Structure formats: C-alpha cells, structure tokens
Amino acid sequence: MPTQAGLKKVRVSMMNAVHDLAVLVARDEGLFQEEGLDLEIVNVPGQAQMNVDLSAINHPIFDRGMESLYNDGGVDQFRMCEWGVMKRTVEAASQGRRPAKIVALGSAMTKVAIVVAGNSSIYEPEQLKDVPVAVSPFNGSHFTTLKLLEGFMKKENIRTTHAGTMEERLAAIGRGEIAAGNFFEPWISIAQKQGFRIIMESHSTRSEASSDALDGPTLAAMFRAETKAAEMINGNPANYAHYLAAESKGLLEPEELQTWRLLYGPPMPYTRDRFQATYEWMQGFPGLLESSSNYEGVVDNRAWE
C-alpha cells in the first residue's frame, strides 16, 4: 500500500550480495524511488556470509530462513538460482506452503566455481568422478555443480556433500577433509587469494519469484530499476565491490575482489522454452523435483503484459 510519501511499499528478501547486487544498488542509488517504489530489503543470512547461524540450511527447504520469511508473509518477492526457484514454486502447493510464481529471469549472472586445495592432485573436472563436492543442498551451488559436472561424467558418478557455509567448506578443503567445493564471489576471490585452485567455473542465472500481492506494473517498475542498476554495475563493477567484500569480514578488501566476474542483465520474461528445459533437466536427477506442474501453473510474466 502507498506510504505517506506517496511511494508504494514493497518488501523483498536478499541472502547474498552477489545474487542481489542489482537490487542493493537500485535501492542505494534511488532508482526504486524514481519508479515510485519504497522498497525495503529484508536481509536473510546466506551461505556466503560469515559468523552467522546457518543451521537452518539443514532443514527442509521450506523451513529455511528465506523460505520461512516468505511463507509467513514477511516479504512478497525473492530471487534465487533458476533451479531453486523452480523447485520452490513447483513444490509449494504439495507442501502446503504459500504459493509463488516465477515472474522473471533475473538480473544476476552469478559466477560459480569448483575449487580444490592448492596442493590437490585434482587438476581437471574428470578427476572429480565419484569425488564428493561440497554444496548447499537445493541451493545454487548444488544445482550448478550438477550442471558443471554432467558434461564430464555420467550422472551416477557425480557426488555432492554438505559441509556448511562457504567459509566452513573452504576451511574443510584446506584441512583436507573434503576434496572440493562450490563457491561464488567473494569466496572465489578469497580462495584464489589463499592459494586454492579453480577447476572450472560458469555463470548461474537467477530467477525472480513473487506472490500475487505484487501486480504487473509494480513488478515492471522494480525490473526497470534493476535494469538501470545492472548497467551501472557493468559499467564500473569496482564501484560496488564493497558490497561483496563486506561479507568476508576482513578476509578480502574491495580492491582484491575479481570484479571481472560480476555480470548483470535486465530481468526478462521467463519463456515457455526456458521453463521446459529447466523443468525437464531437474526431472532428470532423482530428488531434485518432487512434484509435477506446467508452464501455466508456475510462470506469470505479468510485468510485461
């Protein structure tokens, strides 16, 4: 509903700066206000952040921090990895949770990397056959690890394991307790700074999800602001490195962030072809998608109508 200043109030969640940087920049640069929105960002500790209690990541996905916040009505919009949003929107009904629709292919093209210790005997992706790679279950690091490795080995030879936050899993690799882990920024830069070896990396696109509480014009205004923010970030990513470095709590200075990895684009409609490809890919891995749905039941591109 409108605020006293005449701006429409919107509450969204964020977990990690790299995924939500366009939203953070749009807020701090006044771009949402220019679109008539009073946007509040509710911070939910994510796996990239240090010194936070992330025990909830061991819970079923709908009981984790961001999901619980959305289910309880604390926010009306969120963004996660494309596959994570697919899982949550498809399974919400069968889990008796607050429904959401995919409303856009998101802005963040997050770089993710599989990392091993500097003295590891692993030098190429094929050597990760039957080797557990540390991920956050049913989050972007999990899904992207599957995507990265399936080009180099059979699905049955891909192994993942849970080893806590990115801080915790990097330490576990350094101690030799696990062989490899999946990371995004600022933890890729931290790993490089500390002498770890990158085996492979790729972009992982976000999706945006929303309840019916946000109408098409409101979402369109949000996405216009994010588009402007994406252009600002791509134009000079070093200006925004401090958002990511802050999550390292001193392990990385802003100037040490590998800002060439930062890439953002305009939110776009989530097409039928994109839905079908993602949906079928997830069905190809046991346990990734435990309910059935279709494009009409999951996607609502109302921002472009």
C-alpha atoms as a PDB file:
ATOM      1  CA  MET A   1       0.000   0.000   0.000  1.00  0.00           C
ATOM      2  CA  PRO A   2       1.218   3.592  -0.576  1.00  0.00           C
ATOM      3  CA  THR A   3       3.439   5.185   2.060  1.00  0.00           C
ATOM      4  CA  GLN A   4       2.948   8.702   3.420  1.00  0.00           C
ATOM      5  CA  ALA A   5       5.408   9.954   0.822  1.00  0.00           C
ATOM      6  CA  GLY A   6       3.201   8.533  -1.924  1.00  0.00           C
ATOM      7  CA  LEU A   7       5.549   5.669  -2.755  1.00  0.00           C
ATOM      8  CA  LYS A   8       4.311   2.108  -2.960  1.00  0.00           C
ATOM      9  CA  LYS A   9       5.799  -0.064  -0.217  1.00  0.00           C
ATOM     10  CA  VAL A  10       7.421  -3.316  -1.338  1.00  0.00           C
ATOM     11  CA  ARG A  11       9.298  -5.818   0.849  1.00  0.00           C
ATOM     12  CA  VAL A  12      11.788  -8.209  -0.748  1.00  0.00           C
ATOM     13  CA  SER A  13      14.391 -10.570   0.672  1.00  0.00           C
ATOM     14  CA  MET A  14      18.097 -10.965  -0.033  1.00  0.00           C
ATOM     15  CA  MET A  15      20.639 -13.525   1.112  1.00  0.00           C
ATOM     16  CA  ASN A  16      23.965 -12.884  -0.623  1.00  0.00           C
ATOM     17  CA  ALA A  17      25.202  -9.677  -2.206  1.00  0.00           C
ATOM     18  CA  VAL A  18      26.371 -11.254  -5.464  1.00  0.00           C
ATOM     19  CA  HIS A  19      22.865 -12.536  -6.214  1.00  0.00           C
ATOM     20  CA  ASP A  20      21.086  -9.356  -5.137  1.00  0.00           C
ATOM     21  CA  LEU A  21      23.569  -6.649  -6.106  1.00  0.00           C
ATOM     22  CA  ALA A  22      21.281  -5.052  -8.692  1.00  0.00           C
ATOM     23  CA  VAL A  23      18.580  -4.734  -6.032  1.00  0.00           C
ATOM     24  CA  LEU A  24      21.008  -3.263  -3.485  1.00  0.00           C
ATOM     25  CA  VAL A  25      22.401  -0.756  -5.974  1.00  0.00           C
ATOM     26  CA  ALA A  26      18.931   0.211  -7.212  1.00  0.00           C
ATOM     27  CA  ARG A  27      17.888   0.914  -3.629  1.00  0.00           C
ATOM     28  CA  ASP A  28      21.005   2.838  -2.655  1.00  0.00           C
ATOM     29  CA  GLU A  29      21.111   4.864  -5.890  1.00  0.00           C
ATOM     30  CA  GLY A  30      17.458   5.872  -5.524  1.00  0.00           C
ATOM     31  CA  LEU A  31      16.347   4.002  -8.646  1.00  0.00           C
ATOM     32  CA  PHE A  32      13.366   2.362  -6.977  1.00  0.00           C
ATOM     33  CA  GLN A  33      12.209   5.736  -5.691  1.00  0.00           C
ATOM     34  CA  GLU A  34      12.406   7.106  -9.223  1.00  0.00           C
ATOM     35  CA  GLU A  35       9.960   4.337 -10.185  1.00  0.00           C
ATOM     36  CA  GLY A  36       7.561   5.284  -7.374  1.00  0.00           C
ATOM     37  CA  LEU A  37       8.562   2.470  -5.024  1.00  0.00           C
ATOM     38  CA  ASP A  38       9.585   2.434  -1.383  1.00  0.00           C
ATOM     39  CA  LEU A  39      11.484  -0.858  -1.471  1.00  0.00           C
ATOM     40  CA  GLU A  40      12.611  -2.463   1.777  1.00  0.00           C
ATOM     41  CA  ILE A  41      15.203  -5.231   1.642  1.00  0.00           C
ATOM     42  CA  VAL A  42      14.943  -7.795   4.427  1.00  0.00           C
ATOM     43  CA  ASN A  43      18.324  -9.434   4.949  1.00  0.00           C
ATOM     44  CA  VAL A  44      18.328 -13.206   5.393  1.00  0.00           C
ATOM     45  CA  PRO A  45      21.816 -14.583   6.186  1.00  0.00           C
ATOM     46  CA  GLY A  46      23.113 -16.602   3.255  1.00  0.00           C
ATOM     47  CA  GLN A  47      25.832 -19.168   2.789  1.00  0.00           C
ATOM     48  CA  ALA A  48      28.354 -16.523   1.655  1.00  0.00           C
ATOM     49  CA  GLN A  49      28.166 -14.584   4.908  1.00  0.00           C
ATOM     50  CA  MET A  50      30.432 -15.209   7.877  1.00  0.00           C
ATOM     51  CA  ASN A  51      29.696 -15.596  11.573  1.00  0.00           C
ATOM     52  CA  VAL A  52      26.011 -16.331  11.123  1.00  0.00           C
ATOM     53  CA  ASP A  53      23.906 -19.208  12.351  1.00  0.00           C
ATOM     54  CA  LEU A  54      23.076 -21.167   9.235  1.00  0.00           C
ATOM     55  CA  SER A  55      21.861 -24.314  10.964  1.00  0.00           C
ATOM     56  CA  ALA A  56      18.561 -23.826   9.166  1.00  0.00           C
ATOM     57  CA  ILE A  57      20.203 -24.887   5.920  1.00  0.00           C
ATOM     58  CA  ASN A  58      19.951 -28.424   7.279  1.00  0.00           C
ATOM     59  CA  HIS A  59      16.169 -28.063   7.484  1.00  0.00           C
ATOM     60  CA  PRO A  60      13.749 -28.967   4.689  1.00  0.00           C
ATOM     61  CA  ILE A  61      13.835 -26.185   2.110  1.00  0.00           C
ATOM     62  CA  PHE A  62      10.513 -24.589   3.077  1.00  0.00           C
ATOM     63  CA  ASP A  63      11.691 -24.236   6.682  1.00  0.00           C
ATOM     64  CA  ARG A  64      14.884 -22.331   5.906  1.00  0.00           C
ATOM     65  CA  GLY A  65      15.322 -18.636   6.620  1.00  0.00           C
ATOM     66  CA  MET A  66      14.270 -17.032   3.344  1.00  0.00           C
ATOM     67  CA  GLU A  67      11.539 -19.576   2.705  1.00  0.00           C
ATOM     68  CA  SER A  68      10.082 -19.204   6.202  1.00  0.00           C
ATOM     69  CA  LEU A  69      10.104 -15.420   5.852  1.00  0.00           C
ATOM     70  CA  TYR A  70       8.183 -15.650   2.588  1.00  0.00           C
ATOM     71  CA  ASN A  71       5.795 -18.327   3.854  1.00  0.00           C
ATOM     72  CA  ASP A  72       4.941 -16.168   6.884  1.00  0.00           C
ATOM     73  CA  GLY A  73       4.207 -13.118   4.712  1.00  0.00           C
ATOM     74  CA  GLY A  74       7.328 -11.178   5.731  1.00  0.00           C
ATOM     75  CA  VAL A  75       8.176 -10.468   2.095  1.00  0.00           C
ATOM     76  CA  ASP A  76       6.328 -10.752  -1.201  1.00  0.00           C
ATOM     77  CA  GLN A  77       9.224 -11.231  -3.591  1.00  0.00           C
ATOM     78  CA  PHE A  78      12.533 -13.095  -3.714  1.00  0.00           C
ATOM     79  CA  ARG A  79      15.227 -14.274  -6.130  1.00  0.00           C
ATOM     80  CA  MET A  80      17.342 -17.410  -6.079  1.00  0.00           C
ATOM     81  CA  CYS A  81      19.117 -19.607  -8.597  1.00  0.00           C
ATOM     82  CA  GLU A  82      16.896 -20.534 -11.516  1.00  0.00           C
ATOM     83  CA  TRP A  83      16.603 -24.154 -10.419  1.00  0.00           C
ATOM     84  CA  GLY A  84      15.976 -23.292  -6.774  1.00  0.00           C
ATOM     85  CA  VAL A  85      13.090 -21.017  -7.714  1.00  0.00           C
ATOM     86  CA  MET A  86      11.706 -23.770  -9.948  1.00  0.00           C
ATOM     87  CA  LYS A  87      11.798 -26.267  -7.087  1.00  0.00           C
ATOM     88  CA  ARG A  88      10.168 -23.905  -4.621  1.00  0.00           C
ATOM     89  CA  THR A  89       7.405 -22.688  -6.920  1.00  0.00           C
ATOM     90  CA  VAL A  90       6.546 -26.151  -8.203  1.00  0.00           C
ATOM     91  CA  GLU A  91       6.548 -27.843  -4.793  1.00  0.00           C
ATOM     92  CA  ALA A  92       4.849 -25.098  -2.755  1.00  0.00           C
ATOM     93  CA  ALA A  93       1.339 -26.452  -3.351  1.00  0.00           C
ATOM     94  CA  SER A  94       2.163 -30.050  -2.459  1.00  0.00           C
ATOM     95  CA  GLN A  95       3.964 -28.849   0.674  1.00  0.00           C
ATOM     96  CA  GLY A  96       1.014 -26.717   1.755  1.00  0.00           C
ATOM     97  CA  ARG A  97       3.090 -23.545   1.618  1.00  0.00           C
ATOM     98  CA  ARG A  98       2.417 -20.025   0.384  1.00  0.00           C
ATOM     99  CA  PRO A  99       2.296 -20.140  -3.406  1.00  0.00           C
ATOM    100  CA  ALA A 100       4.640 -18.146  -5.614  1.00  0.00           C
ATOM    101  CA  LYS A 101       5.047 -17.693  -9.334  1.00  0.00           C
ATOM    102  CA  ILE A 102       8.179 -17.271 -11.439  1.00  0.00           C
ATOM    103  CA  VAL A 103       7.862 -13.687 -12.667  1.00  0.00           C
ATOM    104  CA  ALA A 104      11.191 -13.128 -14.435  1.00  0.00           C
ATOM    105  CA  LEU A 105      14.524 -14.498 -15.442  1.00  0.00           C
ATOM    106  CA  GLY A 106      16.637 -12.497 -13.034  1.00  0.00           C
ATOM    107  CA  SER A 107      19.351  -9.885 -13.283  1.00  0.00           C
ATOM    108  CA  ALA A 108      22.328 -11.632 -11.682  1.00  0.00           C
ATOM    109  CA  MET A 109      24.528 -13.866 -13.825  1.00  0.00           C
ATOM    110  CA  THR A 110      26.405 -15.200 -10.818  1.00  0.00           C
ATOM    111  CA  LYS A 111      29.821 -16.765 -11.428  1.00  0.00           C
ATOM    112  CA  VAL A 112      30.318 -20.013  -9.515  1.00  0.00           C
ATOM    113  CA  ALA A 113      33.440 -22.165  -9.327  1.00  0.00           C
ATOM    114  CA  ILE A 114      34.513 -25.619  -8.172  1.00  0.00           C
ATOM    115  CA  VAL A 115      37.641 -25.195  -6.050  1.00  0.00           C
ATOM    116  CA  VAL A 116      40.257 -27.597  -4.633  1.00  0.00           C
ATOM    117  CA  ALA A 117      43.280 -27.084  -2.409  1.00  0.00           C
ATOM    118  CA  GLY A 118      46.413 -25.644  -3.950  1.00  0.00           C
ATOM    119  CA  ASN A 119      48.301 -28.880  -3.323  1.00  0.00           C
ATOM    120  CA  SER A 120      45.475 -31.122  -4.565  1.00  0.00           C
ATOM    121  CA  SER A 121      46.147 -33.907  -7.069  1.00  0.00           C
ATOM    122  CA  ILE A 122      42.949 -32.839  -8.891  1.00  0.00           C
ATOM    123  CA  TYR A 123      43.651 -30.731 -11.959  1.00  0.00           C
ATOM    124  CA  GLU A 124      40.686 -31.325 -14.284  1.00  0.00           C
ATOM    125  CA  PRO A 125      36.918 -31.931 -13.983  1.00  0.00           C
ATOM    126  CA  GLU A 126      37.194 -35.614 -14.951  1.00  0.00           C
ATOM    127  CA  GLN A 127      39.166 -36.256 -11.768  1.00  0.00           C
ATOM    128  CA  LEU A 128      36.078 -35.319  -9.744  1.00  0.00           C
ATOM    129  CA  LYS A 129      34.390 -38.566 -10.808  1.00  0.00           C
ATOM    130  CA  ASP A 130      32.896 -40.122  -7.634  1.00  0.00           C
ATOM    131  CA  VAL A 131      34.509 -37.353  -5.548  1.00  0.00           C
ATOM    132  CA  PRO A 132      32.094 -35.512  -3.199  1.00  0.00           C
ATOM    133  CA  VAL A 133      31.899 -31.781  -3.949  1.00  0.00           C
ATOM    134  CA  ALA A 134      30.686 -29.602  -1.066  1.00  0.00           C
ATOM    135  CA  VAL A 135      27.499 -27.658  -1.818  1.00  0.00           C
ATOM    136  CA  SER A 136      24.486 -26.173  -0.055  1.00  0.00           C
ATOM    137  CA  PRO A 137      21.694 -28.692  -0.705  1.00  0.00           C
ATOM    138  CA  PHE A 138      18.990 -27.472  -3.112  1.00  0.00           C
ATOM    139  CA  ASN A 139      20.648 -24.075  -3.476  1.00  0.00           C
ATOM    140  CA  GLY A 140      22.565 -22.626  -6.404  1.00  0.00           C
ATOM    141  CA  SER A 141      25.875 -24.256  -5.522  1.00  0.00           C
ATOM    142  CA  HIS A 142      24.180 -27.679  -5.585  1.00  0.00           C
ATOM    143  CA  PHE A 143      22.331 -27.275  -8.865  1.00  0.00           C
ATOM    144  CA  THR A 144      25.263 -25.583 -10.621  1.00  0.00           C
ATOM    145  CA  THR A 145      27.672 -28.306  -9.550  1.00  0.00           C
ATOM    146  CA  LEU A 146      25.426 -30.840 -11.264  1.00  0.00           C
ATOM    147  CA  LYS A 147      25.268 -28.646 -14.362  1.00  0.00           C
ATOM    148  CA  LEU A 148      29.032 -28.175 -14.442  1.00  0.00           C
ATOM    149  CA  LEU A 149      29.981 -31.811 -13.981  1.00  0.00           C
ATOM    150  CA  GLU A 150      27.423 -33.570 -16.153  1.00  0.00           C
ATOM    151  CA  GLY A 151      29.403 -32.558 -19.238  1.00  0.00           C
ATOM    152  CA  PHE A 152      32.405 -34.517 -17.971  1.00  0.00           C
ATOM    153  CA  MET A 153      30.942 -37.668 -16.425  1.00  0.00           C
ATOM    154  CA  LYS A 154      27.826 -39.775 -16.100  1.00  0.00           C
ATOM    155  CA  LYS A 155      25.185 -38.544 -13.683  1.00  0.00           C
ATOM    156  CA  GLU A 156      25.687 -41.545 -11.428  1.00  0.00           C
ATOM    157  CA  ASN A 157      29.325 -40.524 -10.916  1.00  0.00           C
ATOM    158  CA  ILE A 158      28.515 -37.006  -9.700  1.00  0.00           C
ATOM    159  CA  ARG A 159      28.738 -36.734  -5.915  1.00  0.00           C
ATOM    160  CA  THR A 160      27.776 -33.828  -3.663  1.00  0.00           C
ATOM    161  CA  THR A 161      28.054 -33.338   0.075  1.00  0.00           C
ATOM    162  CA  HIS A 162      27.078 -30.727   2.653  1.00  0.00           C
ATOM    163  CA  ALA A 163      29.923 -29.011   4.503  1.00  0.00           C
ATOM    164  CA  GLY A 164      28.310 -25.864   5.881  1.00  0.00           C
ATOM    165  CA  THR A 165      28.769 -22.275   4.777  1.00  0.00           C
ATOM    166  CA  MET A 166      31.279 -21.188   2.175  1.00  0.00           C
ATOM    167  CA  GLU A 167      33.637 -20.154   4.958  1.00  0.00           C
ATOM    168  CA  GLU A 168      33.305 -23.588   6.547  1.00  0.00           C
ATOM    169  CA  ARG A 169      33.654 -25.578   3.331  1.00  0.00           C
ATOM    170  CA  LEU A 170      36.746 -23.627   2.233  1.00  0.00           C
ATOM    171  CA  ALA A 171      38.343 -24.361   5.606  1.00  0.00           C
ATOM    172  CA  ALA A 172      37.400 -28.041   5.271  1.00  0.00           C
ATOM    173  CA  ILE A 173      39.098 -28.198   1.865  1.00  0.00           C
ATOM    174  CA  GLY A 174      42.179 -26.550   3.330  1.00  0.00           C
ATOM    175  CA  ARG A 175      42.309 -29.166   6.108  1.00  0.00           C
ATOM    176  CA  GLY A 176      41.941 -31.998   3.612  1.00  0.00           C
ATOM    177  CA  GLU A 177      38.564 -33.115   5.000  1.00  0.00           C
ATOM    178  CA  ILE A 178      36.844 -32.730   1.641  1.00  0.00           C
ATOM    179  CA  ALA A 179      38.409 -32.601  -1.804  1.00  0.00           C
ATOM    180  CA  ALA A 180      36.378 -29.881  -3.497  1.00  0.00           C
ATOM    181  CA  GLY A 181      33.630 -27.326  -3.016  1.00  0.00           C
ATOM    182  CA  ASN A 182      31.454 -24.949  -4.987  1.00  0.00           C
ATOM    183  CA  PHE A 183      31.793 -21.204  -4.357  1.00  0.00           C
ATOM    184  CA  PHE A 184      30.603 -17.850  -5.648  1.00  0.00           C
ATOM    185  CA  GLU A 185      32.001 -14.374  -5.009  1.00  0.00           C
ATOM    186  CA  PRO A 186      33.501 -13.103  -2.803  1.00  0.00           C
ATOM    187  CA  TRP A 187      34.624 -16.628  -1.944  1.00  0.00           C
ATOM    188  CA  ILE A 188      36.165 -17.400  -5.318  1.00  0.00           C
ATOM    189  CA  SER A 189      38.432 -14.378  -4.871  1.00  0.00           C
ATOM    190  CA  ILE A 190      39.154 -15.382  -1.266  1.00  0.00           C
ATOM    191  CA  ALA A 191      40.056 -18.896  -2.415  1.00  0.00           C
ATOM    192  CA  GLN A 192      42.413 -17.520  -5.048  1.00  0.00           C
ATOM    193  CA  LYS A 193      43.988 -15.156  -2.537  1.00  0.00           C
ATOM    194  CA  GLN A 194      44.617 -18.063  -0.166  1.00  0.00           C
ATOM    195  CA  GLY A 195      46.198 -20.249  -2.840  1.00  0.00           C
ATOM    196  CA  PHE A 196      43.336 -22.610  -3.711  1.00  0.00           C
ATOM    197  CA  ARG A 197      42.952 -23.925  -7.270  1.00  0.00           C
ATOM    198  CA  ILE A 198      39.938 -23.325  -9.501  1.00  0.00           C
ATOM    199  CA  ILE A 199      38.986 -26.384 -11.543  1.00  0.00           C
ATOM    200  CA  MET A 200      36.102 -24.882 -13.509  1.00  0.00           C
ATOM    201  CA  GLU A 201      33.608 -22.049 -13.345  1.00  0.00           C
ATOM    202  CA  SER A 202      30.491 -20.807 -15.075  1.00  0.00           C
ATOM    203  CA  HIS A 203      27.641 -18.334 -14.817  1.00  0.00           C
ATOM    204  CA  SER A 204      24.458 -19.284 -12.974  1.00  0.00           C
ATOM    205  CA  THR A 205      21.367 -17.209 -13.697  1.00  0.00           C
ATOM    206  CA  ARG A 206      18.865 -16.148 -11.060  1.00  0.00           C
ATOM    207  CA  SER A 207      15.078 -16.246 -11.335  1.00  0.00           C
ATOM    208  CA  GLU A 208      12.653 -13.898  -9.605  1.00  0.00           C
ATOM    209  CA  ALA A 209       9.557 -15.157  -7.795  1.00  0.00           C
ATOM    210  CA  SER A 210       6.615 -13.299  -6.338  1.00  0.00           C
ATOM    211  CA  SER A 211       3.290 -13.728  -4.642  1.00  0.00           C
ATOM    212  CA  ASP A 212       0.098 -12.380  -6.198  1.00  0.00           C
ATOM    213  CA  ALA A 213       0.389  -9.365  -3.873  1.00  0.00           C
ATOM    214  CA  LEU A 214       2.655  -7.621  -6.386  1.00  0.00           C
ATOM    215  CA  ASP A 215       0.834  -6.667  -9.568  1.00  0.00           C
ATOM    216  CA  GLY A 216       2.333  -6.405 -13.037  1.00  0.00           C
ATOM    217  CA  PRO A 217       3.016  -2.637 -13.019  1.00  0.00           C
ATOM    218  CA  THR A 218       4.769  -2.896  -9.635  1.00  0.00           C
ATOM    219  CA  LEU A 219       6.998  -5.719 -10.840  1.00  0.00           C
ATOM    220  CA  ALA A 220       7.675  -3.835 -14.068  1.00  0.00           C
ATOM    221  CA  ALA A 221       8.801  -0.798 -12.063  1.00  0.00           C
ATOM    222  CA  MET A 222      11.098  -2.993  -9.964  1.00  0.00           C
ATOM    223  CA  PHE A 223      12.616  -4.568 -13.044  1.00  0.00           C
ATOM    224  CA  ARG A 224      13.204  -1.194 -14.728  1.00  0.00           C
ATOM    225  CA  ALA A 225      15.133  -0.080 -11.647  1.00  0.00           C
ATOM    226  CA  GLU A 226      17.160  -3.316 -11.612  1.00  0.00           C
ATOM    227  CA  THR A 227      17.941  -2.868 -15.307  1.00  0.00           C
ATOM    228  CA  LYS A 228      19.388   0.585 -14.662  1.00  0.00           C
ATOM    229  CA  ALA A 229      21.367  -0.777 -11.720  1.00  0.00           C
ATOM    230  CA  ALA A 230      22.739  -3.628 -13.873  1.00  0.00           C
ATOM    231  CA  GLU A 231      24.010  -1.104 -16.392  1.00  0.00           C
ATOM    232  CA  MET A 232      25.717   0.870 -13.621  1.00  0.00           C
ATOM    233  CA  ILE A 233      27.385  -2.253 -12.207  1.00  0.00           C
ATOM    234  CA  ASN A 234      28.584  -3.489 -15.592  1.00  0.00           C
ATOM    235  CA  GLY A 235      29.903  -0.014 -16.383  1.00  0.00           C
ATOM    236  CA  ASN A 236      32.162   0.084 -13.336  1.00  0.00           C
ATOM    237  CA  PRO A 237      31.940  -3.018 -11.151  1.00  0.00           C
ATOM    238  CA  ALA A 238      34.746  -1.857  -8.865  1.00  0.00           C
ATOM    239  CA  ASN A 239      32.401   0.843  -7.537  1.00  0.00           C
ATOM    240  CA  TYR A 240      30.283  -1.883  -5.958  1.00  0.00           C
ATOM    241  CA  ALA A 241      32.924  -4.352  -4.772  1.00  0.00           C
ATOM    242  CA  HIS A 242      32.424  -3.239  -1.178  1.00  0.00           C
ATOM    243  CA  TYR A 243      29.008  -4.896  -1.022  1.00  0.00           C
ATOM    244  CA  LEU A 244      30.605  -8.296  -1.607  1.00  0.00           C
ATOM    245  CA  ALA A 245      33.793  -7.683   0.379  1.00  0.00           C
ATOM    246  CA  ALA A 246      31.678  -6.856   3.425  1.00  0.00           C
ATOM    247  CA  GLU A 247      30.519 -10.478   3.522  1.00  0.00           C
ATOM    248  CA  SER A 248      34.110 -11.658   4.039  1.00  0.00           C
ATOM    249  CA  LYS A 249      34.530  -9.814   7.356  1.00  0.00           C
ATOM    250  CA  GLY A 250      38.087  -8.752   6.573  1.00  0.00           C
ATOM    251  CA  LEU A 251      39.337 -11.733   4.556  1.00  0.00           C
ATOM    252  CA  LEU A 252      39.097  -9.696   1.370  1.00  0.00           C
ATOM    253  CA  GLU A 253      39.453  -5.991   0.664  1.00  0.00           C
ATOM    254  CA  PRO A 254      37.221  -4.473  -2.052  1.00  0.00           C
ATOM    255  CA  GLU A 255      40.190  -3.940  -4.367  1.00  0.00           C
ATOM    256  CA  GLU A 256      41.039  -7.661  -4.104  1.00  0.00           C
ATOM    257  CA  LEU A 257      37.692  -8.799  -5.487  1.00  0.00           C
ATOM    258  CA  GLN A 258      37.935 -10.190  -9.025  1.00  0.00           C
ATOM    259  CA  THR A 259      35.322  -7.768 -10.317  1.00  0.00           C
ATOM    260  CA  TRP A 260      35.573  -9.086 -13.905  1.00  0.00           C
ATOM    261  CA  ARG A 261      33.341 -11.929 -12.692  1.00  0.00           C
ATOM    262  CA  LEU A 262      30.459  -9.577 -11.914  1.00  0.00           C
ATOM    263  CA  LEU A 263      27.822  -9.572 -14.654  1.00  0.00           C
ATOM    264  CA  TYR A 264      24.213  -8.378 -14.533  1.00  0.00           C
ATOM    265  CA  GLY A 265      21.484  -8.008 -17.103  1.00  0.00           C
ATOM    266  CA  PRO A 266      17.900  -6.792 -17.392  1.00  0.00           C
ATOM    267  CA  PRO A 267      15.222  -9.045 -15.882  1.00  0.00           C
ATOM    268  CA  MET A 268      13.434 -10.757 -18.764  1.00  0.00           C
ATOM    269  CA  PRO A 269      10.261 -12.785 -19.261  1.00  0.00           C
ATOM    270  CA  TYR A 270      10.563 -16.443 -18.319  1.00  0.00           C
ATOM    271  CA  THR A 271       9.780 -18.166 -21.590  1.00  0.00           C
ATOM    272  CA  ARG A 272       7.992 -21.443 -22.142  1.00  0.00           C
ATOM    273  CA  ASP A 273      11.109 -22.952 -23.745  1.00  0.00           C
ATOM    274  CA  ARG A 274      13.237 -21.903 -20.781  1.00  0.00           C
ATOM    275  CA  PHE A 275      10.723 -23.351 -18.340  1.00  0.00           C
ATOM    276  CA  GLN A 276      10.501 -26.646 -20.196  1.00  0.00           C
ATOM    277  CA  ALA A 277      14.270 -27.064 -20.474  1.00  0.00           C
ATOM    278  CA  THR A 278      14.835 -26.333 -16.779  1.00  0.00           C
ATOM    279  CA  TYR A 279      11.890 -28.445 -15.659  1.00  0.00           C
ATOM    280  CA  GLU A 280      12.983 -31.460 -17.716  1.00  0.00           C
ATOM    281  CA  TRP A 281      16.607 -31.128 -16.593  1.00  0.00           C
ATOM    282  CA  MET A 282      15.570 -31.190 -12.934  1.00  0.00           C
ATOM    283  CA  GLN A 283      13.373 -34.222 -13.511  1.00  0.00           C
ATOM    284  CA  GLY A 284      16.463 -35.981 -14.866  1.00  0.00           C
ATOM    285  CA  PHE A 285      18.091 -36.024 -11.409  1.00  0.00           C
ATOM    286  CA  PRO A 286      16.366 -38.101  -8.696  1.00  0.00           C
ATOM    287  CA  GLY A 287      15.060 -35.950  -5.855  1.00  0.00           C
ATOM    288  CA  LEU A 288      15.505 -32.544  -7.457  1.00  0.00           C
ATOM    289  CA  LEU A 289      11.840 -32.014  -8.292  1.00  0.00           C
ATOM    290  CA  GLU A 290       9.326 -33.980  -6.256  1.00  0.00           C
ATOM    291  CA  SER A 291       6.094 -32.545  -7.676  1.00  0.00           C
ATOM    292  CA  SER A 292       4.661 -32.040 -11.155  1.00  0.00           C
ATOM    293  CA  SER A 293       3.453 -28.845 -12.785  1.00  0.00           C
ATOM    294  CA  ASN A 294       3.396 -26.974 -16.072  1.00  0.00           C
ATOM    295  CA  TYR A 295       4.246 -23.577 -17.510  1.00  0.00           C
ATOM    296  CA  GLU A 296       0.780 -22.123 -16.872  1.00  0.00           C
ATOM    297  CA  GLY A 297       0.851 -23.289 -13.263  1.00  0.00           C
ATOM    298  CA  VAL A 298       4.274 -21.885 -12.414  1.00  0.00           C
ATOM    299  CA  VAL A 299       5.069 -18.865 -14.601  1.00  0.00           C
ATOM    300  CA  ASP A 300       3.388 -15.443 -14.676  1.00  0.00           C
ATOM    301  CA  ASN A 301       5.079 -12.815 -16.854  1.00  0.00           C
ATOM    302  CA  ARG A 302       2.606 -10.128 -15.758  1.00  0.00           C
ATOM    303  CA  ALA A 303       5.337  -7.461 -15.654  1.00  0.00           C
ATOM    304  CA  TRP A 304       5.359  -7.491 -19.466  1.00  0.00           C
ATOM    305  CA  GLU A 305       1.594  -7.608 -20.048  1.00  0.00           C
END
